[in-house]
Amino acid sequence: MRPLNRLLIAVSLPALLLVNLSMAAETGSALKNDTMRVEPFADAKVTGSFNRGESLEILNKKGAWLQVKTKKNTGWVRLLSIKRGSSGASNQAAGALAVASGRAGTGQVISTTGIRGLSAEDLKAAKFNEAEVKTMESYTQNANQGKQFASAGGLKTVPFANLKAVDGGSK
């Protein structure tokens, strides 16, 4: 075999393996019974459901939603309902990708900071919205309003020795 052919094979073989690994779908399992939706929104039309422990294929991610495929349906579900990865031998590609990404190890734990469900691009593109902050602040309650709300719901006070009472002021 000529040296140029050997070089081409040596360079292209790892590339082909990486392409095949990246095309392999990620698998997961349901952490709880849940419904799948047509779009990644809580009020979107329901397209199906799955049961806790059911295996599924993860097709896409958008914010805090995953697009998944079960044996019966495809739809969007909140990412906290899904455990990524599987313990079966059918997920060897995902295991190889985990090694390549630094997520290998017994617990597959990595150190990270951020907000789950938001990508780096989402965080970089975020803008301050004064109107939304004012809307959120409008929901503030003082201590007396909080006590009335709790009393109406049948809740009782639980003292915490290490916390000092704060004067809620009046609104």
N, C-alpha and C. Protein backbone atom coordinates (compact mmCIF):
# COMPACT_ATOMS: atom_id res chain seq x y z
N MET A 1 0.86 -1.18 0.00
CA MET A 1 0.00 0.00 0.00
C MET A 1 0.90 1.24 0.00
N ARG A 2 0.53 2.20 -0.78
CA ARG A 2 1.33 3.43 -0.90
C ARG A 2 1.18 4.30 0.33
N PRO A 3 2.24 5.07 0.67
CA PRO A 3 2.19 5.92 1.87
C PRO A 3 1.04 6.91 1.87
N LEU A 4 0.70 7.45 0.69
CA LEU A 4 -0.41 8.41 0.62
C LEU A 4 -1.73 7.74 0.98
N ASN A 5 -1.95 6.52 0.51
CA ASN A 5 -3.17 5.79 0.84
C ASN A 5 -3.25 5.50 2.33
N ARG A 6 -2.12 5.11 2.91
CA ARG A 6 -2.08 4.84 4.36
C ARG A 6 -2.44 6.10 5.14
N LEU A 7 -1.89 7.23 4.69
CA LEU A 7 -2.17 8.49 5.36
C LEU A 7 -3.65 8.84 5.27
N LEU A 8 -4.25 8.68 4.09
CA LEU A 8 -5.67 8.98 3.91
C LEU A 8 -6.53 8.08 4.79
N ILE A 9 -6.19 6.81 4.87
CA ILE A 9 -6.95 5.89 5.72
C ILE A 9 -6.79 6.27 7.18
N ALA A 10 -5.57 6.59 7.58
CA ALA A 10 -5.30 6.94 8.98
C ALA A 10 -6.04 8.21 9.39
N VAL A 11 -6.16 9.15 8.47
CA VAL A 11 -6.85 10.41 8.77
C VAL A 11 -8.37 10.25 8.69
N SER A 12 -8.87 9.53 7.69
CA SER A 12 -10.31 9.45 7.49
C SER A 12 -11.01 8.47 8.42
N LEU A 13 -10.35 7.42 8.88
CA LEU A 13 -11.00 6.44 9.75
C LEU A 13 -11.50 7.07 11.05
N PRO A 14 -10.67 7.82 11.79
CA PRO A 14 -11.20 8.45 13.01
C PRO A 14 -12.33 9.44 12.71
N ALA A 15 -12.23 10.15 11.58
CA ALA A 15 -13.29 11.10 11.23
C ALA A 15 -14.60 10.37 10.97
N LEU A 16 -14.54 9.24 10.26
CA LEU A 16 -15.75 8.46 10.01
C LEU A 16 -16.34 7.93 11.30
N LEU A 17 -15.49 7.50 12.22
CA LEU A 17 -15.99 7.01 13.51
C LEU A 17 -16.69 8.12 14.27
N LEU A 18 -16.12 9.33 14.27
CA LEU A 18 -16.75 10.45 14.96
C LEU A 18 -18.07 10.82 14.31
N VAL A 19 -18.16 10.79 12.99
CA VAL A 19 -19.42 11.09 12.30
C VAL A 19 -20.47 10.07 12.70
N ASN A 20 -20.11 8.79 12.72
CA ASN A 20 -21.06 7.76 13.11
C ASN A 20 -21.51 7.92 14.55
N LEU A 21 -20.58 8.30 15.43
CA LEU A 21 -20.95 8.50 16.83
C LEU A 21 -21.88 9.69 16.99
N SER A 22 -21.62 10.77 16.26
CA SER A 22 -22.46 11.96 16.41
C SER A 22 -23.83 11.75 15.80
N MET A 23 -23.95 10.83 14.82
CA MET A 23 -25.25 10.58 14.23
C MET A 23 -26.08 9.63 15.10
N ALA A 24 -25.44 8.94 16.03
CA ALA A 24 -26.18 8.02 16.89
C ALA A 24 -27.06 8.84 17.83
N ALA A 25 -28.30 8.45 17.94
CA ALA A 25 -29.24 9.17 18.78
C ALA A 25 -28.92 8.95 20.25
N GLU A 26 -29.17 9.96 21.04
CA GLU A 26 -28.99 9.83 22.48
C GLU A 26 -30.23 9.14 23.05
N THR A 27 -30.01 8.27 23.99
CA THR A 27 -31.13 7.58 24.61
C THR A 27 -31.35 8.12 26.00
N GLY A 28 -32.51 7.81 26.54
CA GLY A 28 -32.84 8.23 27.89
C GLY A 28 -33.97 7.37 28.43
N SER A 29 -34.34 7.66 29.66
CA SER A 29 -35.47 6.96 30.26
C SER A 29 -36.31 7.96 31.04
N ALA A 30 -37.59 7.67 31.14
CA ALA A 30 -38.53 8.56 31.81
C ALA A 30 -38.36 8.47 33.33
N LEU A 31 -38.21 9.61 33.98
CA LEU A 31 -38.12 9.65 35.44
C LEU A 31 -39.49 9.59 36.09
N LYS A 32 -40.53 9.94 35.32
CA LYS A 32 -41.90 9.94 35.85
C LYS A 32 -42.88 9.81 34.69
N ASN A 33 -44.11 9.49 34.99
CA ASN A 33 -45.16 9.50 33.97
C ASN A 33 -45.34 10.94 33.51
N ASP A 34 -45.44 11.16 32.21
CA ASP A 34 -45.60 12.52 31.71
C ASP A 34 -46.24 12.50 30.33
N THR A 35 -46.65 13.68 29.87
CA THR A 35 -47.25 13.82 28.55
C THR A 35 -46.26 14.49 27.61
N MET A 36 -46.36 14.17 26.33
CA MET A 36 -45.55 14.80 25.30
C MET A 36 -46.42 15.82 24.58
N ARG A 37 -45.80 16.88 24.12
CA ARG A 37 -46.53 17.96 23.48
C ARG A 37 -46.03 18.17 22.05
N VAL A 38 -46.86 18.76 21.21
CA VAL A 38 -46.54 19.01 19.81
C VAL A 38 -45.40 20.03 19.70
N GLU A 39 -45.39 21.01 20.59
CA GLU A 39 -44.37 22.06 20.61
C GLU A 39 -43.79 22.16 22.01
N PRO A 40 -42.64 22.79 22.19
CA PRO A 40 -42.03 22.89 23.51
C PRO A 40 -42.64 24.00 24.37
N PHE A 41 -43.94 23.88 24.65
CA PHE A 41 -44.66 24.84 25.48
C PHE A 41 -45.63 24.07 26.37
N ALA A 42 -45.82 24.53 27.60
CA ALA A 42 -46.70 23.85 28.54
C ALA A 42 -48.15 23.81 28.07
N ASP A 43 -48.56 24.80 27.28
CA ASP A 43 -49.96 24.84 26.83
C ASP A 43 -50.15 24.30 25.41
N ALA A 44 -49.11 23.66 24.86
CA ALA A 44 -49.21 23.08 23.52
C ALA A 44 -50.07 21.81 23.56
N LYS A 45 -50.61 21.44 22.42
CA LYS A 45 -51.46 20.26 22.29
C LYS A 45 -50.68 19.00 22.67
N VAL A 46 -51.34 18.11 23.40
CA VAL A 46 -50.73 16.84 23.82
C VAL A 46 -50.69 15.89 22.64
N THR A 47 -49.52 15.25 22.44
CA THR A 47 -49.36 14.31 21.33
C THR A 47 -49.22 12.87 21.80
N GLY A 48 -49.04 12.66 23.08
CA GLY A 48 -48.90 11.31 23.61
C GLY A 48 -48.41 11.35 25.05
N SER A 49 -48.08 10.19 25.57
CA SER A 49 -47.58 10.11 26.93
C SER A 49 -46.62 8.94 27.06
N PHE A 50 -45.93 8.88 28.19
CA PHE A 50 -45.04 7.77 28.48
C PHE A 50 -45.07 7.50 29.97
N ASN A 51 -44.57 6.34 30.36
CA ASN A 51 -44.58 5.93 31.76
C ASN A 51 -43.17 5.94 32.34
N ARG A 52 -43.11 6.07 33.64
CA ARG A 52 -41.85 6.07 34.36
C ARG A 52 -41.04 4.83 33.99
N GLY A 53 -39.75 5.02 33.70
CA GLY A 53 -38.87 3.92 33.37
C GLY A 53 -38.84 3.56 31.89
N GLU A 54 -39.76 4.12 31.11
CA GLU A 54 -39.82 3.79 29.69
C GLU A 54 -38.59 4.34 28.96
N SER A 55 -38.02 3.54 28.08
CA SER A 55 -36.88 3.98 27.27
C SER A 55 -37.37 4.86 26.13
N LEU A 56 -36.56 5.86 25.79
CA LEU A 56 -36.92 6.74 24.70
C LEU A 56 -35.67 7.27 24.03
N GLU A 57 -35.87 7.86 22.88
CA GLU A 57 -34.78 8.43 22.10
C GLU A 57 -34.88 9.95 22.18
N ILE A 58 -33.78 10.62 22.47
CA ILE A 58 -33.75 12.08 22.55
C ILE A 58 -33.33 12.61 21.18
N LEU A 59 -34.21 13.39 20.56
CA LEU A 59 -33.98 13.87 19.21
C LEU A 59 -33.43 15.29 19.16
N ASN A 60 -33.88 16.14 20.09
CA ASN A 60 -33.54 17.56 20.01
C ASN A 60 -33.67 18.18 21.39
N LYS A 61 -33.08 19.35 21.58
CA LYS A 61 -33.20 20.11 22.83
C LYS A 61 -33.48 21.56 22.48
N LYS A 62 -34.43 22.16 23.18
CA LYS A 62 -34.74 23.57 22.99
C LYS A 62 -35.06 24.16 24.35
N GLY A 63 -34.17 24.97 24.88
CA GLY A 63 -34.37 25.54 26.21
C GLY A 63 -34.48 24.44 27.25
N ALA A 64 -35.57 24.45 28.00
CA ALA A 64 -35.78 23.46 29.06
C ALA A 64 -36.62 22.28 28.57
N TRP A 65 -36.67 22.07 27.26
CA TRP A 65 -37.49 21.01 26.67
C TRP A 65 -36.64 20.06 25.85
N LEU A 66 -37.02 18.79 25.83
CA LEU A 66 -36.40 17.79 24.98
C LEU A 66 -37.45 17.22 24.04
N GLN A 67 -37.07 17.05 22.78
CA GLN A 67 -37.95 16.35 21.85
C GLN A 67 -37.55 14.88 21.93
N VAL A 68 -38.53 14.04 22.24
CA VAL A 68 -38.26 12.61 22.45
C VAL A 68 -39.15 11.76 21.56
N LYS A 69 -38.68 10.54 21.34
CA LYS A 69 -39.44 9.58 20.54
C LYS A 69 -39.58 8.30 21.36
N THR A 70 -40.83 7.86 21.54
CA THR A 70 -41.09 6.58 22.19
C THR A 70 -41.47 5.58 21.10
N LYS A 71 -41.86 4.39 21.51
CA LYS A 71 -42.28 3.40 20.51
C LYS A 71 -43.55 3.84 19.79
N LYS A 72 -44.37 4.67 20.45
CA LYS A 72 -45.67 5.06 19.88
C LYS A 72 -45.71 6.47 19.32
N ASN A 73 -45.00 7.43 19.96
CA ASN A 73 -45.16 8.84 19.61
C ASN A 73 -43.85 9.59 19.64
N THR A 74 -43.90 10.80 19.09
CA THR A 74 -42.80 11.76 19.18
C THR A 74 -43.39 13.06 19.70
N GLY A 75 -42.67 13.74 20.60
CA GLY A 75 -43.16 15.01 21.12
C GLY A 75 -42.15 15.65 22.03
N TRP A 76 -42.55 16.79 22.60
CA TRP A 76 -41.69 17.58 23.47
C TRP A 76 -42.10 17.36 24.93
N VAL A 77 -41.10 17.29 25.80
CA VAL A 77 -41.32 17.09 27.22
C VAL A 77 -40.27 17.90 28.00
N ARG A 78 -40.62 18.32 29.19
CA ARG A 78 -39.65 19.07 30.01
C ARG A 78 -38.45 18.18 30.32
N LEU A 79 -37.27 18.77 30.25
CA LEU A 79 -36.06 17.96 30.40
C LEU A 79 -35.91 17.34 31.78
N LEU A 80 -36.57 17.88 32.79
CA LEU A 80 -36.48 17.31 34.13
C LEU A 80 -37.25 16.01 34.26
N SER A 81 -38.02 15.65 33.24
CA SER A 81 -38.76 14.39 33.25
C SER A 81 -37.95 13.24 32.68
N ILE A 82 -36.77 13.55 32.14
CA ILE A 82 -35.98 12.55 31.42
C ILE A 82 -34.60 12.39 32.05
N LYS A 83 -34.18 11.15 32.18
CA LYS A 83 -32.81 10.85 32.59
C LYS A 83 -32.06 10.50 31.32
N ARG A 84 -31.04 11.26 31.02
CA ARG A 84 -30.26 11.02 29.80
C ARG A 84 -29.37 9.81 29.99
N GLY A 85 -29.16 9.07 28.89
CA GLY A 85 -28.29 7.90 28.91
C GLY A 85 -29.07 6.66 29.29
N SER A 86 -28.44 5.51 29.12
CA SER A 86 -29.06 4.26 29.51
C SER A 86 -27.98 3.31 29.98
N SER A 87 -28.37 2.28 30.69
CA SER A 87 -27.40 1.34 31.21
C SER A 87 -27.16 0.19 30.25
N GLY A 88 -27.92 0.15 29.15
CA GLY A 88 -27.81 -0.97 28.22
C GLY A 88 -26.60 -0.86 27.30
N ALA A 89 -26.24 -1.98 26.68
CA ALA A 89 -25.11 -2.01 25.75
C ALA A 89 -25.43 -1.27 24.46
N SER A 90 -26.72 -0.99 24.21
CA SER A 90 -27.10 -0.32 22.97
C SER A 90 -26.68 1.14 22.97
N ASN A 91 -26.20 1.64 24.08
CA ASN A 91 -25.81 3.04 24.16
C ASN A 91 -24.30 3.20 24.17
N GLN A 92 -23.57 2.34 23.45
CA GLN A 92 -22.12 2.41 23.43
C GLN A 92 -21.64 3.71 22.81
N ALA A 93 -22.34 4.21 21.80
CA ALA A 93 -21.93 5.45 21.15
C ALA A 93 -22.01 6.61 22.14
N ALA A 94 -23.06 6.66 22.94
CA ALA A 94 -23.19 7.73 23.93
C ALA A 94 -22.08 7.61 24.96
N GLY A 95 -21.70 6.40 25.31
CA GLY A 95 -20.60 6.19 26.25
C GLY A 95 -19.29 6.71 25.69
N ALA A 96 -19.05 6.46 24.40
CA ALA A 96 -17.83 6.96 23.75
C ALA A 96 -17.84 8.48 23.71
N LEU A 97 -19.01 9.06 23.44
CA LEU A 97 -19.12 10.51 23.43
C LEU A 97 -18.90 11.08 24.83
N ALA A 98 -19.34 10.37 25.85
CA ALA A 98 -19.13 10.82 27.23
C ALA A 98 -17.65 10.87 27.56
N VAL A 99 -16.91 9.87 27.10
CA VAL A 99 -15.46 9.87 27.32
C VAL A 99 -14.83 11.06 26.63
N ALA A 100 -15.24 11.32 25.40
CA ALA A 100 -14.68 12.41 24.62
C ALA A 100 -15.03 13.77 25.21
N SER A 101 -16.17 13.88 25.89
CA SER A 101 -16.61 15.17 26.42
C SER A 101 -16.15 15.42 27.84
N GLY A 102 -15.48 14.44 28.46
CA GLY A 102 -15.03 14.61 29.84
C GLY A 102 -16.08 14.26 30.85
N ARG A 103 -17.20 13.65 30.41
CA ARG A 103 -18.27 13.31 31.33
C ARG A 103 -18.20 11.86 31.77
N ALA A 104 -17.09 11.22 31.55
CA ALA A 104 -16.97 9.81 31.95
C ALA A 104 -16.64 9.73 33.42
N GLY A 105 -16.81 8.59 33.99
CA GLY A 105 -16.53 8.37 35.39
C GLY A 105 -17.69 7.64 36.01
N THR A 106 -17.54 7.28 37.25
CA THR A 106 -18.58 6.48 37.88
C THR A 106 -19.93 7.18 37.90
N GLY A 107 -19.96 8.42 38.35
CA GLY A 107 -21.23 9.13 38.44
C GLY A 107 -21.50 10.03 37.26
N GLN A 108 -20.59 10.07 36.30
CA GLN A 108 -20.67 10.98 35.16
C GLN A 108 -20.95 12.41 35.63
N VAL A 109 -20.27 12.82 36.70
CA VAL A 109 -20.47 14.14 37.28
C VAL A 109 -19.42 15.08 36.70
N ILE A 110 -19.85 16.25 36.31
CA ILE A 110 -18.92 17.29 35.88
C ILE A 110 -19.26 18.55 36.65
N SER A 111 -18.32 19.42 36.76
CA SER A 111 -18.53 20.67 37.45
C SER A 111 -18.98 21.71 36.44
N THR A 112 -20.03 22.40 36.76
CA THR A 112 -20.54 23.41 35.84
C THR A 112 -21.29 24.48 36.61
N THR A 113 -21.46 25.61 36.00
CA THR A 113 -22.29 26.67 36.56
C THR A 113 -23.25 27.10 35.48
N GLY A 114 -24.34 27.66 35.89
CA GLY A 114 -25.32 28.13 34.92
C GLY A 114 -26.71 27.76 35.34
N ILE A 115 -27.62 27.91 34.43
CA ILE A 115 -29.02 27.64 34.68
C ILE A 115 -29.43 26.49 33.78
N ARG A 116 -29.94 25.44 34.37
CA ARG A 116 -30.32 24.27 33.59
C ARG A 116 -31.43 24.63 32.61
N GLY A 117 -31.23 24.21 31.38
CA GLY A 117 -32.23 24.46 30.36
C GLY A 117 -31.92 25.67 29.49
N LEU A 118 -30.96 26.49 29.89
CA LEU A 118 -30.58 27.64 29.08
C LEU A 118 -29.18 27.40 28.53
N SER A 119 -29.00 27.66 27.26
CA SER A 119 -27.69 27.49 26.65
C SER A 119 -26.84 28.73 26.89
N ALA A 120 -25.57 28.61 26.59
CA ALA A 120 -24.66 29.76 26.72
C ALA A 120 -25.12 30.90 25.81
N GLU A 121 -25.63 30.54 24.63
CA GLU A 121 -26.12 31.57 23.70
C GLU A 121 -27.34 32.28 24.27
N ASP A 122 -28.25 31.52 24.93
CA ASP A 122 -29.43 32.13 25.55
C ASP A 122 -29.00 33.15 26.61
N LEU A 123 -28.02 32.76 27.43
CA LEU A 123 -27.57 33.64 28.51
C LEU A 123 -26.87 34.88 27.96
N LYS A 124 -26.07 34.70 26.90
CA LYS A 124 -25.37 35.85 26.30
C LYS A 124 -26.34 36.81 25.64
N ALA A 125 -27.43 36.29 25.09
CA ALA A 125 -28.40 37.12 24.38
C ALA A 125 -29.41 37.77 25.32
N ALA A 126 -29.39 37.41 26.60
CA ALA A 126 -30.38 37.94 27.55
C ALA A 126 -30.22 39.45 27.71
N LYS A 127 -31.32 40.14 27.83
CA LYS A 127 -31.33 41.59 28.01
C LYS A 127 -32.13 41.94 29.26
N PHE A 128 -31.72 43.01 29.93
CA PHE A 128 -32.45 43.48 31.09
C PHE A 128 -33.81 44.00 30.65
N ASN A 129 -34.85 43.60 31.37
CA ASN A 129 -36.21 44.02 31.03
C ASN A 129 -36.83 44.64 32.28
N GLU A 130 -36.76 45.95 32.36
CA GLU A 130 -37.24 46.67 33.54
C GLU A 130 -38.72 46.44 33.80
N ALA A 131 -39.52 46.35 32.75
CA ALA A 131 -40.96 46.14 32.92
C ALA A 131 -41.22 44.79 33.60
N GLU A 132 -40.49 43.75 33.19
CA GLU A 132 -40.67 42.43 33.80
C GLU A 132 -40.22 42.42 35.26
N VAL A 133 -39.13 43.13 35.56
CA VAL A 133 -38.67 43.21 36.95
C VAL A 133 -39.72 43.90 37.80
N LYS A 134 -40.32 44.98 37.29
CA LYS A 134 -41.37 45.69 38.04
C LYS A 134 -42.59 44.80 38.22
N THR A 135 -42.94 44.03 37.19
CA THR A 135 -44.07 43.10 37.32
C THR A 135 -43.78 42.09 38.41
N MET A 136 -42.57 41.53 38.42
CA MET A 136 -42.20 40.56 39.45
C MET A 136 -42.23 41.20 40.84
N GLU A 137 -41.71 42.42 40.96
CA GLU A 137 -41.70 43.11 42.25
C GLU A 137 -43.12 43.43 42.72
N SER A 138 -44.07 43.56 41.79
CA SER A 138 -45.45 43.86 42.18
C SER A 138 -46.09 42.70 42.93
N TYR A 139 -45.50 41.51 42.85
CA TYR A 139 -46.03 40.35 43.56
C TYR A 139 -45.54 40.27 45.00
N THR A 140 -44.70 41.21 45.42
CA THR A 140 -44.15 41.20 46.77
C THR A 140 -45.26 41.36 47.80
N GLN A 141 -45.16 40.60 48.88
CA GLN A 141 -46.13 40.66 49.98
C GLN A 141 -45.41 41.04 51.26
N ASN A 142 -46.09 41.78 52.14
CA ASN A 142 -45.48 42.05 53.44
C ASN A 142 -45.82 40.91 54.39
N ALA A 143 -45.27 40.95 55.59
CA ALA A 143 -45.45 39.85 56.54
C ALA A 143 -46.92 39.61 56.88
N ASN A 144 -47.70 40.68 57.08
CA ASN A 144 -49.11 40.51 57.42
C ASN A 144 -49.89 39.86 56.28
N GLN A 145 -49.61 40.27 55.04
CA GLN A 145 -50.28 39.66 53.89
C GLN A 145 -49.90 38.18 53.78
N GLY A 146 -48.65 37.86 54.06
CA GLY A 146 -48.19 36.48 54.04
C GLY A 146 -48.89 35.65 55.10
N LYS A 147 -49.04 36.20 56.30
CA LYS A 147 -49.73 35.49 57.39
C LYS A 147 -51.20 35.25 57.03
N GLN A 148 -51.85 36.24 56.44
CA GLN A 148 -53.24 36.07 56.04
C GLN A 148 -53.38 34.98 54.98
N PHE A 149 -52.49 34.98 54.03
CA PHE A 149 -52.52 33.97 52.98
C PHE A 149 -52.31 32.58 53.57
N ALA A 150 -51.32 32.45 54.45
CA ALA A 150 -51.03 31.16 55.07
C ALA A 150 -52.21 30.69 55.92
N SER A 151 -52.81 31.60 56.67
CA SER A 151 -53.95 31.26 57.52
C SER A 151 -55.14 30.79 56.68
N ALA A 152 -55.37 31.47 55.56
CA ALA A 152 -56.48 31.09 54.68
C ALA A 152 -56.25 29.69 54.09
N GLY A 153 -55.00 29.29 53.94
CA GLY A 153 -54.68 27.97 53.40
C GLY A 153 -54.51 26.91 54.47
N GLY A 154 -54.75 27.28 55.74
CA GLY A 154 -54.62 26.32 56.83
C GLY A 154 -53.18 26.01 57.21
N LEU A 155 -52.25 26.88 56.85
CA LEU A 155 -50.84 26.66 57.18
C LEU A 155 -50.53 27.18 58.57
N LYS A 156 -49.58 26.57 59.24
CA LYS A 156 -49.19 26.98 60.59
C LYS A 156 -47.74 27.45 60.59
N THR A 157 -47.42 28.34 61.52
CA THR A 157 -46.07 28.87 61.66
C THR A 157 -45.14 27.81 62.22
N VAL A 158 -43.95 27.73 61.65
CA VAL A 158 -42.90 26.83 62.15
C VAL A 158 -41.69 27.70 62.44
N PRO A 159 -41.31 27.81 63.72
CA PRO A 159 -40.15 28.67 64.05
C PRO A 159 -38.82 28.00 63.68
N PHE A 160 -37.88 28.79 63.21
CA PHE A 160 -36.53 28.34 62.92
C PHE A 160 -35.60 29.11 63.84
N ALA A 161 -34.90 28.41 64.71
CA ALA A 161 -34.06 29.04 65.73
C ALA A 161 -32.98 29.92 65.13
N ASN A 162 -32.44 29.58 63.96
CA ASN A 162 -31.33 30.33 63.40
C ASN A 162 -31.76 31.50 62.53
N LEU A 163 -33.05 31.68 62.33
CA LEU A 163 -33.53 32.78 61.51
C LEU A 163 -34.19 33.83 62.38
N LYS A 164 -33.85 35.07 62.10
CA LYS A 164 -34.44 36.18 62.85
C LYS A 164 -35.63 36.71 62.06
N ALA A 165 -36.66 37.14 62.78
CA ALA A 165 -37.84 37.71 62.13
C ALA A 165 -37.44 39.04 61.50
N VAL A 166 -37.97 39.31 60.31
CA VAL A 166 -37.70 40.56 59.61
C VAL A 166 -39.00 41.32 59.50
N ASP A 167 -38.95 42.62 59.78
CA ASP A 167 -40.13 43.44 59.65
C ASP A 167 -40.43 43.60 58.18
N GLY A 168 -41.58 43.10 57.76
CA GLY A 168 -41.96 43.15 56.35
C GLY A 168 -42.38 44.52 55.90
N GLY A 169 -42.61 45.41 56.83
CA GLY A 169 -43.05 46.75 56.46
C GLY A 169 -44.46 46.71 55.91
N SER A 170 -44.91 47.80 55.38
CA SER A 170 -46.26 47.82 54.81
C SER A 170 -46.15 48.15 53.34
N LYS A 171 -47.12 47.71 52.64
CA LYS A 171 -47.12 47.93 51.20
C LYS A 171 -48.14 48.94 50.81
